[in-house]
């Protein structure tokens, strides 16, 4: 899987969750603070950073293949538009509680 394929697949999985084609299950973390880990029905692991029950940003996504892509690269040359879109992703407000389990 190339970086571009990873980004396309990751964004597709997030949109599958939005549309109800995939679901998420909380597997670790505290919604009130820090890293919150989810497993999707499609086999993805998603780590979200929560700041006081507020979805702050996507920290990491791991595909079912377990291949690692650093979406927060240290070097600007290793960044790409796809990584920026994943990091900036926020679900629709109505889904924060219903799907992702955030309290507000």
Protein backbone atom coordinates (compact mmCIF):
# COMPACT_ATOMS: atom_id res chain seq x y z
CA UNK A 1 0.00 0.00 0.00
CA UNK A 2 1.43 3.36 -1.00
CA UNK A 3 1.02 6.52 1.06
CA UNK A 4 -1.60 7.79 -1.40
CA UNK A 5 -3.52 4.49 -1.28
CA UNK A 6 -3.42 4.60 2.50
CA UNK A 7 -4.82 8.14 2.59
CA UNK A 8 -7.60 7.31 0.14
CA UNK A 9 -8.53 4.15 2.09
CA UNK A 10 -8.39 5.93 5.47
CA UNK A 11 -10.66 8.76 4.31
CA UNK A 12 -12.99 6.22 2.69
CA UNK A 13 -13.24 4.36 6.03
CA UNK A 14 -14.09 7.58 7.88
CA UNK A 15 -16.82 8.32 5.34
CA UNK A 16 -18.11 4.73 5.62
CA UNK A 17 -18.53 5.37 9.36
CA UNK A 18 -20.39 8.62 8.65
CA UNK A 19 -22.75 6.90 6.23
CA UNK A 20 -23.44 3.95 8.55
CA UNK A 21 -21.68 1.40 6.32
CA UNK A 22 -19.11 0.80 9.08
CA UNK A 23 -19.23 1.07 12.86
CA UNK A 24 -16.72 1.87 15.59
CA UNK A 25 -16.11 0.37 19.00
CA UNK A 26 -14.20 2.10 21.79
CA UNK A 27 -11.31 -0.17 22.77
CA UNK A 28 -9.09 2.01 24.98
CA UNK A 29 -8.70 5.48 26.41
CA UNK A 30 -10.75 8.10 28.18
CA UNK A 31 -13.18 10.29 26.24
CA UNK A 32 -12.45 13.07 28.71
CA UNK A 33 -8.75 13.41 27.96
CA UNK A 34 -5.98 12.05 25.82
CA UNK A 35 -5.76 9.29 23.25
CA UNK A 36 -8.97 7.39 22.55
CA UNK A 37 -8.67 4.21 20.49
CA UNK A 38 -11.39 2.73 18.29
CA UNK A 39 -11.66 -0.42 16.19
CA UNK A 40 -13.84 -0.17 13.09
CA UNK A 41 -15.95 -2.97 11.70
CA UNK A 42 -13.73 -2.70 8.62
CA UNK A 43 -10.66 -3.64 10.68
CA UNK A 44 -9.09 -0.19 11.04
CA UNK A 45 -7.68 1.18 14.30
CA UNK A 46 -8.32 4.89 14.79
CA UNK A 47 -6.73 6.96 17.55
CA UNK A 48 -8.39 10.30 18.32
CA UNK A 49 -7.05 12.92 20.71
CA UNK A 50 -9.73 14.18 23.06
CA UNK A 51 -9.32 17.46 24.91
CA UNK A 52 -11.86 17.50 27.74
CA UNK A 53 -14.57 15.57 25.83
CA UNK A 54 -13.85 17.58 22.69
CA UNK A 55 -12.68 15.79 19.53
CA UNK A 56 -9.40 17.56 18.87
CA UNK A 57 -7.76 15.62 16.01
CA UNK A 58 -7.06 12.20 14.55
CA UNK A 59 -3.72 11.06 15.99
CA UNK A 60 -3.32 7.83 14.01
CA UNK A 61 -5.04 5.37 11.72
CA UNK A 62 -3.87 1.82 11.09
CA UNK A 63 -5.32 -0.24 8.25
CA UNK A 64 -6.34 -3.90 8.68
CA UNK A 65 -2.97 -4.87 7.16
CA UNK A 66 -1.28 -3.26 10.22
CA UNK A 67 0.99 -1.30 7.86
CA UNK A 68 2.20 1.86 9.62
CA UNK A 69 1.93 5.33 8.13
CA UNK A 70 2.98 8.30 10.26
CA UNK A 71 0.25 10.89 9.63
CA UNK A 72 2.16 13.39 11.80
CA UNK A 73 5.60 13.21 10.11
CA UNK A 74 8.52 15.06 11.67
CA UNK A 75 9.79 16.36 8.33
CA UNK A 76 7.65 18.65 6.17
CA UNK A 77 8.89 16.80 3.08
CA UNK A 78 7.21 13.62 4.39
CA UNK A 79 3.80 15.31 4.81
CA UNK A 80 1.06 15.30 2.19
CA UNK A 81 -2.44 16.63 1.62
CA UNK A 82 -3.96 13.24 2.48
CA UNK A 83 -2.28 13.20 5.91
CA UNK A 84 -3.50 16.75 6.56
CA UNK A 85 -7.07 15.76 5.66
CA UNK A 86 -6.95 12.76 8.00
CA UNK A 87 -5.51 14.81 10.88
CA UNK A 88 -8.15 17.51 10.41
CA UNK A 89 -11.09 15.13 10.10
CA UNK A 90 -14.03 15.79 12.43
CA UNK A 91 -17.23 13.75 12.29
CA UNK A 92 -20.54 15.56 11.91
CA UNK A 93 -21.58 17.06 15.27
CA UNK A 94 -24.66 14.83 15.54
CA UNK A 95 -22.45 11.73 15.33
CA UNK A 96 -19.95 12.65 18.05
CA UNK A 97 -22.14 11.20 20.80
CA UNK A 98 -24.20 8.65 18.84
CA UNK A 99 -21.32 6.95 17.03
CA UNK A 100 -18.08 7.94 18.76
CA UNK A 101 -19.34 8.11 22.37
CA UNK A 102 -18.36 11.67 23.17
CA UNK A 103 -20.54 13.12 25.91
CA UNK A 104 -21.40 16.44 24.30
